Amino acid sequence: MTTETENINVDSLWIINERDKSGKHENIYHGNFIPQVPNQLIRRYTKENDTVLDLFMGSGTTLYECENLNRNFIGFDINTQIIDYVKSKMRETQNIKFKINECDVANQVLFKENIEKSLSELGTEKVQLIIAHPPYMDIVKFTERAEDLSQIGDLTTFVKQFVQVIKNAFPYLENKKYLGIVIGDVYKKSEVVPLAFYVLDAIKRNFNVKLKGIIIKNIEGNRGKLGQKNIWQYRALQSDYFIFKHEYILVFKKEEK
């Protein structure tokens, strides 16, 4: 077994004790996903010098894993402040090529302009992996911009906009390569909204893909519930809900037309 494939988790249940805090990783941004997720996807579905596209870059989790694993990177985000933060962390990087774009990824014209410029500057035409970790509707509002997906509280509107994001990016994914979506469910009006299932269904309906995996990820060290297990358990028992500890990693493979 090579170093690249060593310790790759091929199970559909990932129980992770705590987030990786090594290197440039910092848990400073609400909603940022744990580095182990992009690390697993990148090592399994790409090789060195391949290009990874992250549609919701956030604080740069995927980018730092690309840097560690010698993959090139194209990232998008709508939050000016977090983009400036990530750029400041990458000033000394020399081992990979990367481009960071401030752009509404649901805007077809702007996305096309930015992705094609980024691909050209990196000297490639396609990416080998797309990672998308979108907001979970309006549970956490990341900016005040109207076009921000985290401003959308309506399920139908959110799914429609997210599908548009993937439509914008999908032509730039190489055939037989992979799309990984990291997403969780939400709780609204005293009811679980299975957001991940709606997104899964929409991707299957709108794109020529094969679903390769539905992975359930649980991290024990969730900072929102760390040290408060008894309080959360008490609240759940007093009501009729269950405590959210899971997220889904949906893995799709792009098929040829």
C-alpha atoms as a PDB file:
ATOM      1  CA  MET A   1       0.000   0.000   0.000  1.00  0.00           C
ATOM      2  CA  THR A   2       1.440   3.391  -0.987  1.00  0.00           C
ATOM      3  CA  THR A   3       1.634   6.402   1.294  1.00  0.00           C
ATOM      4  CA  GLU A   4      -1.096   8.074  -0.777  1.00  0.00           C
ATOM      5  CA  THR A   5      -3.599   5.299  -0.090  1.00  0.00           C
ATOM      6  CA  GLU A   6      -2.502   4.480   3.444  1.00  0.00           C
ATOM      7  CA  ASN A   7      -5.245   4.986   6.042  1.00  0.00           C
ATOM      8  CA  ILE A   8      -7.897   5.896   3.495  1.00  0.00           C
ATOM      9  CA  ASN A   9     -11.272   5.170   5.058  1.00  0.00           C
ATOM     10  CA  VAL A  10     -13.490   3.165   2.710  1.00  0.00           C
ATOM     11  CA  ASP A  11     -16.278   2.686   5.266  1.00  0.00           C
ATOM     12  CA  SER A  12     -19.579   4.561   4.977  1.00  0.00           C
ATOM     13  CA  LEU A  13     -19.396   5.665   8.627  1.00  0.00           C
ATOM     14  CA  TRP A  14     -16.600   8.003   9.686  1.00  0.00           C
ATOM     15  CA  ILE A  15     -16.288   8.545  13.433  1.00  0.00           C
ATOM     16  CA  ILE A  16     -13.623  11.163  14.055  1.00  0.00           C
ATOM     17  CA  ASN A  17     -12.479  11.932  17.582  1.00  0.00           C
ATOM     18  CA  GLU A  18     -11.327  15.505  16.970  1.00  0.00           C
ATOM     19  CA  ARG A  19     -10.452  17.876  14.157  1.00  0.00           C
ATOM     20  CA  ASP A  20      -6.912  18.038  12.806  1.00  0.00           C
ATOM     21  CA  LYS A  21      -5.311  21.235  14.146  1.00  0.00           C
ATOM     22  CA  SER A  22      -1.893  20.768  12.512  1.00  0.00           C
ATOM     23  CA  GLY A  23      -0.227  23.134  10.054  1.00  0.00           C
ATOM     24  CA  LYS A  24      -2.320  26.079   8.895  1.00  0.00           C
ATOM     25  CA  HIS A  25      -5.612  24.645  10.128  1.00  0.00           C
ATOM     26  CA  GLU A  26      -7.407  26.837  12.644  1.00  0.00           C
ATOM     27  CA  ASN A  27     -10.968  26.511  13.850  1.00  0.00           C
ATOM     28  CA  ILE A  28     -11.684  30.216  13.465  1.00  0.00           C
ATOM     29  CA  TYR A  29     -14.635  30.203  11.057  1.00  0.00           C
ATOM     30  CA  HIS A  30     -18.106  29.028  11.977  1.00  0.00           C
ATOM     31  CA  GLY A  31     -19.136  26.130   9.788  1.00  0.00           C
ATOM     32  CA  ASN A  32     -15.675  25.213   8.495  1.00  0.00           C
ATOM     33  CA  PHE A  33     -15.396  21.504   7.975  1.00  0.00           C
ATOM     34  CA  ILE A  34     -12.761  19.282   9.473  1.00  0.00           C
ATOM     35  CA  PRO A  35      -9.528  18.806   7.473  1.00  0.00           C
ATOM     36  CA  GLN A  36      -9.851  15.021   7.550  1.00  0.00           C
ATOM     37  CA  VAL A  37     -12.744  15.189   5.067  1.00  0.00           C
ATOM     38  CA  PRO A  38     -10.945  16.923   2.160  1.00  0.00           C
ATOM     39  CA  ASN A  39      -7.797  14.966   3.035  1.00  0.00           C
ATOM     40  CA  GLN A  40      -9.619  11.676   2.493  1.00  0.00           C
ATOM     41  CA  LEU A  41     -11.326  12.828  -0.722  1.00  0.00           C
ATOM     42  CA  ILE A  42      -8.175  14.347  -2.222  1.00  0.00           C
ATOM     43  CA  ARG A  43      -5.991  11.332  -1.502  1.00  0.00           C
ATOM     44  CA  ARG A  44      -8.555   8.877  -2.797  1.00  0.00           C
ATOM     45  CA  TYR A  45      -9.716  10.632  -5.961  1.00  0.00           C
ATOM     46  CA  THR A  46      -6.732  12.658  -7.185  1.00  0.00           C
ATOM     47  CA  LYS A  47      -2.996  12.353  -7.702  1.00  0.00           C
ATOM     48  CA  GLU A  48      -0.144  14.808  -7.271  1.00  0.00           C
ATOM     49  CA  ASN A  49      -0.391  17.935  -9.491  1.00  0.00           C
ATOM     50  CA  ASP A  50      -4.089  17.364 -10.153  1.00  0.00           C
ATOM     51  CA  THR A  51      -6.393  20.349  -9.601  1.00  0.00           C
ATOM     52  CA  VAL A  52      -9.085  20.568  -6.932  1.00  0.00           C
ATOM     53  CA  LEU A  53     -11.960  23.054  -7.196  1.00  0.00           C
ATOM     54  CA  ASP A  54     -13.567  24.204  -3.944  1.00  0.00           C
ATOM     55  CA  LEU A  55     -16.823  26.078  -4.548  1.00  0.00           C
ATOM     56  CA  PHE A  56     -17.229  27.356  -0.970  1.00  0.00           C
ATOM     57  CA  MET A  57     -13.660  27.881   0.189  1.00  0.00           C
ATOM     58  CA  GLY A  58     -14.373  29.399   3.597  1.00  0.00           C
ATOM     59  CA  SER A  59     -11.266  29.578   5.765  1.00  0.00           C
ATOM     60  CA  GLY A  60      -9.184  27.484   3.355  1.00  0.00           C
ATOM     61  CA  THR A  61      -9.445  23.966   4.786  1.00  0.00           C
ATOM     62  CA  THR A  62      -9.309  22.267   1.376  1.00  0.00           C
ATOM     63  CA  LEU A  63      -6.555  24.587   0.154  1.00  0.00           C
ATOM     64  CA  TYR A  64      -4.269  23.736   3.076  1.00  0.00           C
ATOM     65  CA  GLU A  65      -4.809  20.020   2.414  1.00  0.00           C
ATOM     66  CA  CYS A  66      -3.964  20.580  -1.268  1.00  0.00           C
ATOM     67  CA  GLU A  67      -0.780  22.323  -0.174  1.00  0.00           C
ATOM     68  CA  ASN A  68       0.124  19.402   2.092  1.00  0.00           C
ATOM     69  CA  LEU A  69      -0.635  16.835  -0.631  1.00  0.00           C
ATOM     70  CA  ASN A  70       0.839  18.682  -3.649  1.00  0.00           C
ATOM     71  CA  ARG A  71      -2.413  19.298  -5.485  1.00  0.00           C
ATOM     72  CA  ASN A  72      -3.217  22.522  -7.274  1.00  0.00           C
ATOM     73  CA  PHE A  73      -6.253  24.475  -6.173  1.00  0.00           C
ATOM     74  CA  ILE A  74      -8.974  26.829  -7.385  1.00  0.00           C
ATOM     75  CA  GLY A  75     -11.216  28.299  -4.722  1.00  0.00           C
ATOM     76  CA  PHE A  76     -14.292  30.513  -4.626  1.00  0.00           C
ATOM     77  CA  ASP A  77     -15.980  32.407  -1.848  1.00  0.00           C
ATOM     78  CA  ILE A  78     -18.253  35.384  -1.471  1.00  0.00           C
ATOM     79  CA  ASN A  79     -16.810  36.636   1.823  1.00  0.00           C
ATOM     80  CA  THR A  80     -14.155  39.304   1.255  1.00  0.00           C
ATOM     81  CA  GLN A  81     -12.776  39.136   4.796  1.00  0.00           C
ATOM     82  CA  ILE A  82     -12.228  35.380   4.798  1.00  0.00           C
ATOM     83  CA  ILE A  83     -10.604  35.561   1.354  1.00  0.00           C
ATOM     84  CA  ASP A  84      -8.135  38.136   2.648  1.00  0.00           C
ATOM     85  CA  TYR A  85      -7.413  35.886   5.626  1.00  0.00           C
ATOM     86  CA  VAL A  86      -6.714  32.847   3.411  1.00  0.00           C
ATOM     87  CA  LYS A  87      -4.497  34.836   1.053  1.00  0.00           C
ATOM     88  CA  SER A  88      -2.458  36.051   4.010  1.00  0.00           C
ATOM     89  CA  LYS A  89      -1.912  32.439   5.124  1.00  0.00           C
ATOM     90  CA  MET A  90      -0.706  31.421   1.649  1.00  0.00           C
ATOM     91  CA  ARG A  91       1.883  34.138   1.013  1.00  0.00           C
ATOM     92  CA  GLU A  92       4.852  31.807   1.443  1.00  0.00           C
ATOM     93  CA  THR A  93       3.461  28.900  -0.600  1.00  0.00           C
ATOM     94  CA  GLN A  94       5.590  27.749  -3.506  1.00  0.00           C
ATOM     95  CA  ASN A  95       4.953  24.032  -3.959  1.00  0.00           C
ATOM     96  CA  ILE A  96       1.493  24.296  -5.569  1.00  0.00           C
ATOM     97  CA  LYS A  97      -0.316  26.565  -7.989  1.00  0.00           C
ATOM     98  CA  PHE A  98      -3.517  28.091  -6.662  1.00  0.00           C
ATOM     99  CA  LYS A  99      -6.090  30.737  -7.496  1.00  0.00           C
ATOM    100  CA  ILE A 100      -8.636  32.291  -5.155  1.00  0.00           C
ATOM    101  CA  ASN A 101     -11.705  34.092  -6.501  1.00  0.00           C
ATOM    102  CA  GLU A 102     -14.254  36.352  -4.848  1.00  0.00           C
ATOM    103  CA  CYS A 103     -17.385  35.492  -6.768  1.00  0.00           C
ATOM    104  CA  ASP A 104     -21.023  34.476  -6.440  1.00  0.00           C
ATOM    105  CA  VAL A 105     -20.727  30.891  -7.688  1.00  0.00           C
ATOM    106  CA  ALA A 106     -24.415  30.845  -8.643  1.00  0.00           C
ATOM    107  CA  ASN A 107     -23.819  33.645 -11.167  1.00  0.00           C
ATOM    108  CA  GLN A 108     -23.158  31.811 -14.434  1.00  0.00           C
ATOM    109  CA  VAL A 109     -21.447  34.696 -16.229  1.00  0.00           C
ATOM    110  CA  LEU A 110     -19.140  35.685 -13.366  1.00  0.00           C
ATOM    111  CA  PHE A 111     -18.275  32.099 -12.510  1.00  0.00           C
ATOM    112  CA  LYS A 112     -17.420  31.252 -16.120  1.00  0.00           C
ATOM    113  CA  GLU A 113     -15.177  34.308 -16.376  1.00  0.00           C
ATOM    114  CA  ASN A 114     -13.323  33.508 -13.154  1.00  0.00           C
ATOM    115  CA  ILE A 115     -12.966  29.753 -13.555  1.00  0.00           C
ATOM    116  CA  GLU A 116     -11.674  29.983 -17.123  1.00  0.00           C
ATOM    117  CA  LYS A 117      -9.152  32.638 -16.143  1.00  0.00           C
ATOM    118  CA  SER A 118      -8.023  30.514 -13.187  1.00  0.00           C
ATOM    119  CA  LEU A 119      -7.702  27.356 -15.275  1.00  0.00           C
ATOM    120  CA  SER A 120      -5.701  29.238 -17.898  1.00  0.00           C
ATOM    121  CA  GLU A 121      -3.306  30.637 -15.303  1.00  0.00           C
ATOM    122  CA  LEU A 122      -2.831  27.161 -13.840  1.00  0.00           C
ATOM    123  CA  GLY A 123      -2.187  25.744 -17.307  1.00  0.00           C
ATOM    124  CA  THR A 124      -5.050  23.268 -17.395  1.00  0.00           C
ATOM    125  CA  GLU A 125      -8.538  22.915 -18.885  1.00  0.00           C
ATOM    126  CA  LYS A 126     -10.283  20.698 -16.324  1.00  0.00           C
ATOM    127  CA  VAL A 127     -10.293  19.909 -12.622  1.00  0.00           C
ATOM    128  CA  GLN A 128     -10.121  16.391 -11.235  1.00  0.00           C
ATOM    129  CA  LEU A 129     -12.177  16.903  -8.074  1.00  0.00           C
ATOM    130  CA  ILE A 130     -14.899  19.325  -7.040  1.00  0.00           C
ATOM    131  CA  ILE A 131     -15.584  19.801  -3.351  1.00  0.00           C
ATOM    132  CA  ALA A 132     -18.691  21.689  -2.239  1.00  0.00           C
ATOM    133  CA  HIS A 133     -19.448  22.409   1.408  1.00  0.00           C
ATOM    134  CA  PRO A 134     -22.270  24.945   1.113  1.00  0.00           C
ATOM    135  CA  PRO A 135     -24.114  26.760   3.894  1.00  0.00           C
ATOM    136  CA  TYR A 136     -26.927  24.721   5.371  1.00  0.00           C
ATOM    137  CA  MET A 137     -29.563  27.206   4.213  1.00  0.00           C
ATOM    138  CA  ASP A 138     -29.766  30.164   6.624  1.00  0.00           C
ATOM    139  CA  ILE A 139     -28.718  28.380   9.814  1.00  0.00           C
ATOM    140  CA  VAL A 140     -25.513  30.467   9.865  1.00  0.00           C
ATOM    141  CA  LYS A 141     -25.425  33.688   7.830  1.00  0.00           C
ATOM    142  CA  PHE A 142     -21.882  34.183   6.563  1.00  0.00           C
ATOM    143  CA  THR A 143     -22.378  37.576   4.906  1.00  0.00           C
ATOM    144  CA  GLU A 144     -25.154  40.116   4.440  1.00  0.00           C
ATOM    145  CA  ARG A 145     -24.984  39.877   0.653  1.00  0.00           C
ATOM    146  CA  ALA A 146     -28.329  39.004  -0.921  1.00  0.00           C
ATOM    147  CA  GLU A 147     -26.739  36.487  -3.297  1.00  0.00           C
ATOM    148  CA  ASP A 148     -25.143  34.538  -0.431  1.00  0.00           C
ATOM    149  CA  LEU A 149     -26.718  31.071  -0.172  1.00  0.00           C
ATOM    150  CA  SER A 150     -26.682  31.449   3.612  1.00  0.00           C
ATOM    151  CA  GLN A 151     -29.408  34.081   3.224  1.00  0.00           C
ATOM    152  CA  ILE A 152     -31.855  31.537   1.784  1.00  0.00           C
ATOM    153  CA  GLY A 153     -34.387  30.148   4.252  1.00  0.00           C
ATOM    154  CA  ASP A 154     -36.694  28.474   1.758  1.00  0.00           C
ATOM    155  CA  LEU A 155     -35.818  24.851   0.928  1.00  0.00           C
ATOM    156  CA  THR A 156     -36.957  24.894  -2.701  1.00  0.00           C
ATOM    157  CA  THR A 157     -35.100  28.118  -3.452  1.00  0.00           C
ATOM    158  CA  PHE A 158     -31.936  26.869  -1.768  1.00  0.00           C
ATOM    159  CA  VAL A 159     -31.867  23.581  -3.682  1.00  0.00           C
ATOM    160  CA  LYS A 160     -32.520  25.404  -6.955  1.00  0.00           C
ATOM    161  CA  GLN A 161     -29.631  27.804  -6.332  1.00  0.00           C
ATOM    162  CA  PHE A 162     -27.299  25.036  -5.261  1.00  0.00           C
ATOM    163  CA  VAL A 163     -28.099  23.062  -8.412  1.00  0.00           C
ATOM    164  CA  GLN A 164     -27.239  26.190 -10.414  1.00  0.00           C
ATOM    165  CA  VAL A 165     -23.866  26.337  -8.657  1.00  0.00           C
ATOM    166  CA  ILE A 166     -23.106  22.764  -9.661  1.00  0.00           C
ATOM    167  CA  LYS A 167     -24.344  23.422 -13.222  1.00  0.00           C
ATOM    168  CA  ASN A 168     -21.852  26.266 -13.469  1.00  0.00           C
ATOM    169  CA  ALA A 169     -18.945  24.111 -12.264  1.00  0.00           C
ATOM    170  CA  PHE A 170     -19.783  20.720 -13.754  1.00  0.00           C
ATOM    171  CA  PRO A 171     -18.523  21.365 -17.327  1.00  0.00           C
ATOM    172  CA  TYR A 172     -15.035  21.970 -15.902  1.00  0.00           C
ATOM    173  CA  LEU A 173     -14.881  18.585 -14.159  1.00  0.00           C
ATOM    174  CA  GLU A 174     -13.031  15.942 -16.125  1.00  0.00           C
ATOM    175  CA  ASN A 175     -15.106  12.927 -17.190  1.00  0.00           C
ATOM    176  CA  LYS A 176     -14.929   9.962 -14.822  1.00  0.00           C
ATOM    177  CA  LYS A 177     -13.793  12.260 -12.007  1.00  0.00           C
ATOM    178  CA  TYR A 178     -15.524  13.116  -8.776  1.00  0.00           C
ATOM    179  CA  LEU A 179     -17.809  15.594  -7.039  1.00  0.00           C
ATOM    180  CA  GLY A 180     -17.903  15.530  -3.241  1.00  0.00           C
ATOM    181  CA  ILE A 181     -20.664  17.385  -1.406  1.00  0.00           C
ATOM    182  CA  VAL A 182     -20.439  17.836   2.351  1.00  0.00           C
ATOM    183  CA  ILE A 183     -23.796  18.775   3.809  1.00  0.00           C
ATOM    184  CA  GLY A 184     -25.946  18.316   6.887  1.00  0.00           C
ATOM    185  CA  ASP A 185     -29.605  18.431   7.747  1.00  0.00           C
ATOM    186  CA  VAL A 186     -31.342  21.368   9.435  1.00  0.00           C
ATOM    187  CA  TYR A 187     -34.045  21.825  12.047  1.00  0.00           C
ATOM    188  CA  LYS A 188     -36.765  24.318  11.213  1.00  0.00           C
ATOM    189  CA  LYS A 189     -40.194  24.943  12.708  1.00  0.00           C
ATOM    190  CA  SER A 190     -39.844  21.979  15.088  1.00  0.00           C
ATOM    191  CA  GLU A 191     -39.087  19.573  12.245  1.00  0.00           C
ATOM    192  CA  VAL A 192     -36.015  17.964  10.726  1.00  0.00           C
ATOM    193  CA  VAL A 193     -35.469  19.104   7.145  1.00  0.00           C
ATOM    194  CA  PRO A 194     -33.370  16.383   5.440  1.00  0.00           C
ATOM    195  CA  LEU A 195     -31.452  18.873   3.327  1.00  0.00           C
ATOM    196  CA  ALA A 196     -28.826  16.338   2.282  1.00  0.00           C
ATOM    197  CA  PHE A 197     -31.476  14.037   0.816  1.00  0.00           C
ATOM    198  CA  TYR A 198     -33.067  16.851  -1.183  1.00  0.00           C
ATOM    199  CA  VAL A 199     -29.650  17.845  -2.534  1.00  0.00           C
ATOM    200  CA  LEU A 200     -28.797  14.227  -3.384  1.00  0.00           C
ATOM    201  CA  ASP A 201     -32.062  13.819  -5.304  1.00  0.00           C
ATOM    202  CA  ALA A 202     -31.534  17.104  -7.173  1.00  0.00           C
ATOM    203  CA  ILE A 203     -27.998  16.148  -8.247  1.00  0.00           C
ATOM    204  CA  LYS A 204     -29.159  12.775  -9.543  1.00  0.00           C
ATOM    205  CA  ARG A 205     -32.029  14.374 -11.460  1.00  0.00           C
ATOM    206  CA  ASN A 206     -29.969  17.124 -13.075  1.00  0.00           C
ATOM    207  CA  PHE A 207     -26.574  15.574 -13.833  1.00  0.00           C
ATOM    208  CA  ASN A 208     -25.175  12.501 -15.520  1.00  0.00           C
ATOM    209  CA  VAL A 209     -23.503  11.043 -12.449  1.00  0.00           C
ATOM    210  CA  LYS A 210     -23.266   7.826 -10.522  1.00  0.00           C
ATOM    211  CA  LEU A 211     -23.656   7.983  -6.763  1.00  0.00           C
ATOM    212  CA  LYS A 212     -20.565   6.285  -5.342  1.00  0.00           C
ATOM    213  CA  GLY A 213     -21.043   6.874  -1.654  1.00  0.00           C
ATOM    214  CA  ILE A 214     -23.255   8.227   1.114  1.00  0.00           C
ATOM    215  CA  ILE A 215     -20.888   8.646   4.049  1.00  0.00           C
ATOM    216  CA  ILE A 216     -22.117   9.608   7.487  1.00  0.00           C
ATOM    217  CA  LYS A 217     -19.545  11.613   9.406  1.00  0.00           C
ATOM    218  CA  ASN A 218     -19.636  12.189  13.136  1.00  0.00           C
ATOM    219  CA  ILE A 219     -17.060  14.200  15.033  1.00  0.00           C
ATOM    220  CA  GLU A 220     -17.067  13.710  18.776  1.00  0.00           C
ATOM    221  CA  GLY A 221     -15.268  16.960  19.530  1.00  0.00           C
ATOM    222  CA  ASN A 222     -18.048  19.249  18.243  1.00  0.00           C
ATOM    223  CA  ARG A 223     -17.191  22.528  19.970  1.00  0.00           C
ATOM    224  CA  GLY A 224     -20.861  23.521  20.166  1.00  0.00           C
ATOM    225  CA  LYS A 225     -21.646  20.473  22.306  1.00  0.00           C
ATOM    226  CA  LEU A 226     -18.260  19.726  23.865  1.00  0.00           C
ATOM    227  CA  GLY A 227     -18.559  19.538  27.637  1.00  0.00           C
ATOM    228  CA  GLN A 228     -22.321  20.067  27.450  1.00  0.00           C
ATOM    229  CA  LYS A 229     -23.459  16.516  26.753  1.00  0.00           C
ATOM    230  CA  ASN A 230     -25.742  16.321  29.778  1.00  0.00           C
ATOM    231  CA  ILE A 231     -27.347  19.688  28.998  1.00  0.00           C
ATOM    232  CA  TRP A 232     -28.081  18.703  25.394  1.00  0.00           C
ATOM    233  CA  GLN A 233     -29.349  15.303  26.482  1.00  0.00           C
ATOM    234  CA  TYR A 234     -31.658  16.924  29.026  1.00  0.00           C
ATOM    235  CA  ARG A 235     -33.036  19.349  26.448  1.00  0.00           C
ATOM    236  CA  ALA A 236     -33.629  16.560  23.939  1.00  0.00           C
ATOM    237  CA  LEU A 237     -35.411  14.388  26.492  1.00  0.00           C
ATOM    238  CA  GLN A 238     -37.589  17.299  27.596  1.00  0.00           C
ATOM    239  CA  SER A 239     -38.636  17.723  23.994  1.00  0.00           C
ATOM    240  CA  ASP A 240     -38.982  15.112  21.227  1.00  0.00           C
ATOM    241  CA  TYR A 241     -35.942  15.720  19.027  1.00  0.00           C
ATOM    242  CA  PHE A 242     -32.579  14.034  18.568  1.00  0.00           C
ATOM    243  CA  ILE A 243     -29.207  15.768  18.850  1.00  0.00           C
ATOM    244  CA  PHE A 244     -27.561  16.489  15.491  1.00  0.00           C
ATOM    245  CA  LYS A 245     -24.056  15.021  15.402  1.00  0.00           C
ATOM    246  CA  HIS A 246     -23.882  13.877  11.802  1.00  0.00           C
ATOM    247  CA  GLU A 247     -23.117  15.295   8.392  1.00  0.00           C
ATOM    248  CA  TYR A 248     -23.180  13.585   5.020  1.00  0.00           C
ATOM    249  CA  ILE A 249     -20.442  13.283   2.436  1.00  0.00           C
ATOM    250  CA  LEU A 250     -22.056  12.552  -0.924  1.00  0.00           C
ATOM    251  CA  VAL A 251     -19.654  11.306  -3.585  1.00  0.00           C
ATOM    252  CA  PHE A 252     -20.655  11.367  -7.263  1.00  0.00           C
ATOM    253  CA  LYS A 253     -18.725  10.240 -10.336  1.00  0.00           C
ATOM    254  CA  LYS A 254     -19.165  12.185 -13.556  1.00  0.00           C
ATOM    255  CA  GLU A 255     -20.178   9.993 -16.471  1.00  0.00           C
ATOM    256  CA  GLU A 256     -19.444  10.678 -20.123  1.00  0.00           C
ATOM    257  CA  LYS A 257     -22.278  12.157 -22.161  1.00  0.00           C
END
